[in-house]
Amino acid sequence: MNTRPYALLDSETLTEWQGFRLTRERIQLPDGSQFTRHAVRHPGAVLVLPRLADGTLLLVHQFRHAPDCYLLEFPAGTLERDESPLECARRELAEEVGQRAASWRELGTLHPAPGFCDEQMYCFLAEDLEPVPAHPEADEFIQVRRLALSELEAEIAEGSVTDAKTLAIYARARAMGLL
């Protein structure tokens, strides 16, 4: 069921920054009642699960400003204007973990924060990796971690992995029989 159960009466952009927009939207329900919602309009993003030939996985350990803590996560990034999800995934893999993949497999999409944001995240498995120079963005302080599947599962069980997108792509890849 993909039919919207309400009517969007109007939408106003309150602010815009780096491709993101904060909107205020007036909604009308089928019974005629109206309400206002705010939403973050996002250009989309990618999430990459990089797997080396020996089966180990590459993750990044980096400080995240918004939650004010370090997170262990798979490489990810926001789509640039006119960039395809696969192009973005290739760029992020090289930037964050210094790898290029010869083999790519689409793992579907995620909606990481649907309560307030329309972000759609395109997920990929990257294999047949070879090193290339990493070049993280100026505000990214990244440590690449190479973990065996059992080590990642231990980190998840201990509660060390709290990044929802990382947990989601891990669960999807396991459910698909890829891990």
Protein backbone atom coordinates (compact mmCIF):
# COMPACT_ATOMS: atom_id res chain seq x y z
CA MET A 1 0.00 0.00 0.00
CA ASN A 2 1.77 3.13 -1.25
CA THR A 3 -1.20 5.48 -1.48
CA ARG A 4 -0.87 8.55 0.72
CA PRO A 5 -3.81 8.53 3.19
CA TYR A 6 -3.92 12.34 3.35
CA ALA A 7 -3.64 15.42 1.13
CA LEU A 8 -0.60 17.69 1.17
CA LEU A 9 -2.16 21.17 1.15
CA ASP A 10 1.06 23.20 1.07
CA SER A 11 4.74 23.00 1.83
CA GLU A 12 7.04 25.84 2.83
CA THR A 13 10.85 25.64 2.93
CA LEU A 14 11.97 27.15 6.23
CA THR A 15 15.71 26.83 5.63
CA GLU A 16 18.09 25.13 3.25
CA TRP A 17 21.70 24.05 3.70
CA GLN A 18 24.11 21.73 1.86
CA GLY A 19 21.31 20.14 -0.17
CA PHE A 20 19.03 19.60 2.85
CA ARG A 21 15.76 21.47 3.35
CA LEU A 22 13.62 21.89 6.44
CA THR A 23 9.96 22.20 5.45
CA ARG A 24 6.69 22.96 7.22
CA GLU A 25 3.80 21.14 5.58
CA ARG A 26 0.06 21.44 6.01
CA ILE A 27 -1.75 18.09 5.78
CA GLN A 28 -5.46 17.23 5.48
CA LEU A 29 -6.72 13.84 6.65
CA PRO A 30 -9.62 12.02 4.92
CA ASP A 31 -12.00 13.22 7.67
CA GLY A 32 -11.15 16.84 6.80
CA SER A 33 -9.02 17.60 9.87
CA GLN A 34 -5.75 19.42 9.24
CA PHE A 35 -2.39 19.44 10.97
CA THR A 36 1.13 20.73 10.43
CA ARG A 37 4.26 18.61 10.17
CA HIS A 38 7.91 19.52 9.77
CA ALA A 39 10.21 17.38 7.64
CA VAL A 40 13.84 17.30 6.59
CA ARG A 41 14.09 16.83 2.83
CA HIS A 42 17.30 14.93 2.08
CA PRO A 43 19.08 14.40 -1.27
CA GLY A 44 19.67 10.70 -0.51
CA ALA A 45 22.69 8.74 0.65
CA VAL A 46 24.60 5.51 0.26
CA LEU A 47 25.80 2.85 2.66
CA VAL A 48 28.60 0.43 1.73
CA LEU A 49 29.40 -2.92 3.30
CA PRO A 50 33.01 -3.57 2.17
CA ARG A 51 34.15 -7.19 2.36
CA LEU A 52 37.74 -8.28 1.74
CA ALA A 53 38.66 -11.57 0.03
CA ASP A 54 39.28 -13.24 3.42
CA GLY A 55 35.74 -12.35 4.56
CA THR A 56 36.72 -9.56 6.93
CA LEU A 57 34.71 -6.36 6.83
CA LEU A 58 35.93 -2.77 6.77
CA LEU A 59 34.26 -0.27 9.09
CA VAL A 60 35.09 3.27 10.11
CA HIS A 61 35.45 4.48 13.67
CA GLN A 62 34.78 8.20 13.67
CA PHE A 63 33.58 11.03 15.84
CA ARG A 64 30.07 12.22 15.03
CA HIS A 65 29.21 15.75 16.06
CA ALA A 66 25.42 15.46 16.44
CA PRO A 67 25.44 12.58 18.99
CA ASP A 68 28.78 13.86 20.40
CA CYS A 69 30.49 10.47 20.37
CA TYR A 70 32.56 8.04 18.37
CA LEU A 71 30.64 5.51 16.28
CA LEU A 72 31.68 2.29 14.58
CA GLU A 73 29.93 2.18 11.22
CA PHE A 74 30.11 1.09 7.63
CA PRO A 75 31.18 3.81 5.15
CA ALA A 76 28.35 6.08 4.08
CA GLY A 77 27.75 9.45 2.52
CA THR A 78 25.32 11.89 0.96
CA LEU A 79 24.64 11.95 -2.75
CA GLU A 80 26.01 14.96 -4.58
CA ARG A 81 23.96 16.75 -7.24
CA ASP A 82 23.51 14.57 -10.37
CA GLU A 83 25.48 11.69 -8.79
CA SER A 84 24.10 8.17 -9.07
CA PRO A 85 23.99 5.99 -5.95
CA LEU A 86 26.70 3.69 -7.34
CA GLU A 87 28.97 6.63 -8.18
CA CYS A 88 28.49 7.94 -4.66
CA ALA A 89 29.21 4.51 -3.16
CA ARG A 90 32.45 4.27 -5.15
CA ARG A 91 33.46 7.76 -4.02
CA GLU A 92 32.69 7.12 -0.36
CA LEU A 93 34.51 3.77 -0.33
CA ALA A 94 37.65 5.41 -1.69
CA GLU A 95 37.39 8.53 0.49
CA GLU A 96 36.68 6.84 3.80
CA VAL A 97 38.46 3.48 3.71
CA GLY A 98 40.91 3.84 0.82
CA GLN A 99 39.52 0.99 -1.29
CA ARG A 100 38.20 0.43 -4.80
CA ALA A 101 35.81 -2.45 -5.52
CA ALA A 102 35.63 -4.45 -8.74
CA SER A 103 32.36 -6.10 -7.68
CA TRP A 104 29.24 -4.29 -6.49
CA ARG A 105 25.92 -5.78 -5.40
CA GLU A 106 22.82 -3.72 -4.60
CA LEU A 107 21.27 -4.56 -1.23
CA GLY A 108 18.14 -2.40 -1.49
CA THR A 109 17.26 0.78 0.33
CA LEU A 110 16.71 1.99 3.89
CA HIS A 111 14.79 4.89 5.42
CA PRO A 112 16.95 5.67 8.48
CA ALA A 113 14.76 8.32 10.16
CA PRO A 114 11.26 8.20 8.62
CA GLY A 115 9.61 10.04 11.49
CA PHE A 116 11.04 13.37 10.39
CA CYS A 117 13.24 12.86 7.30
CA ASP A 118 12.64 11.53 3.77
CA GLU A 119 16.23 10.27 3.38
CA GLN A 120 16.52 7.16 1.24
CA MET A 121 19.76 5.28 1.68
CA TYR A 122 20.99 3.01 -1.12
CA CYS A 123 22.87 -0.03 0.20
CA PHE A 124 25.70 -1.90 -1.51
CA LEU A 125 28.01 -4.83 -0.89
CA ALA A 126 31.49 -4.03 -2.22
CA GLU A 127 33.90 -6.91 -2.93
CA ASP A 128 37.11 -7.64 -4.85
CA LEU A 129 38.73 -4.71 -3.09
CA GLU A 130 42.08 -3.11 -3.80
CA PRO A 131 43.75 -0.26 -1.91
CA VAL A 132 43.68 3.31 -3.21
CA PRO A 133 44.67 6.51 -1.40
CA ALA A 134 42.04 7.53 1.16
CA HIS A 135 41.04 11.18 1.28
CA PRO A 136 38.40 11.82 3.94
CA GLU A 137 36.70 15.19 4.12
CA ALA A 138 38.34 17.87 6.25
CA ASP A 139 35.99 17.30 9.21
CA GLU A 140 36.26 13.49 9.14
CA PHE A 141 38.70 11.94 11.58
CA ILE A 142 38.44 8.31 10.58
CA GLN A 143 40.15 5.18 11.81
CA VAL A 144 39.52 2.20 9.51
CA ARG A 145 38.83 -1.03 11.40
CA ARG A 146 39.08 -4.46 9.83
CA LEU A 147 36.83 -6.95 11.64
CA ALA A 148 36.08 -10.61 11.17
CA LEU A 149 32.37 -11.37 11.13
CA SER A 150 32.62 -12.91 14.62
CA GLU A 151 34.34 -9.75 15.91
CA LEU A 152 31.62 -7.52 14.47
CA GLU A 153 28.94 -9.74 15.98
CA ALA A 154 30.67 -9.51 19.37
CA GLU A 155 30.78 -5.69 19.06
CA ILE A 156 27.06 -5.69 18.19
CA ALA A 157 26.19 -8.01 21.10
CA GLU A 158 28.21 -5.84 23.52
CA GLY A 159 26.31 -2.75 22.41
CA SER A 160 29.42 -1.13 20.91
CA VAL A 161 27.70 -0.70 17.54
CA THR A 162 24.83 1.75 17.95
CA ASP A 163 24.69 3.17 14.41
CA ALA A 164 21.27 2.14 13.06
CA LYS A 165 22.26 2.08 9.40
CA THR A 166 25.21 -0.20 10.16
CA LEU A 167 22.98 -2.58 12.11
CA ALA A 168 20.39 -2.51 9.32
CA ILE A 169 22.75 -3.33 6.44
CA TYR A 170 24.40 -6.04 8.54
CA ALA A 171 20.97 -7.59 9.25
CA ARG A 172 19.93 -7.35 5.60
CA ALA A 173 23.16 -8.93 4.32
CA ARG A 174 22.80 -11.76 6.88
CA ALA A 175 19.14 -12.31 5.92
CA MET A 176 20.16 -12.48 2.25
CA GLY A 177 22.76 -15.16 3.09
CA LEU A 178 25.66 -12.93 2.08
CA LEU A 179 27.44 -13.00 5.46
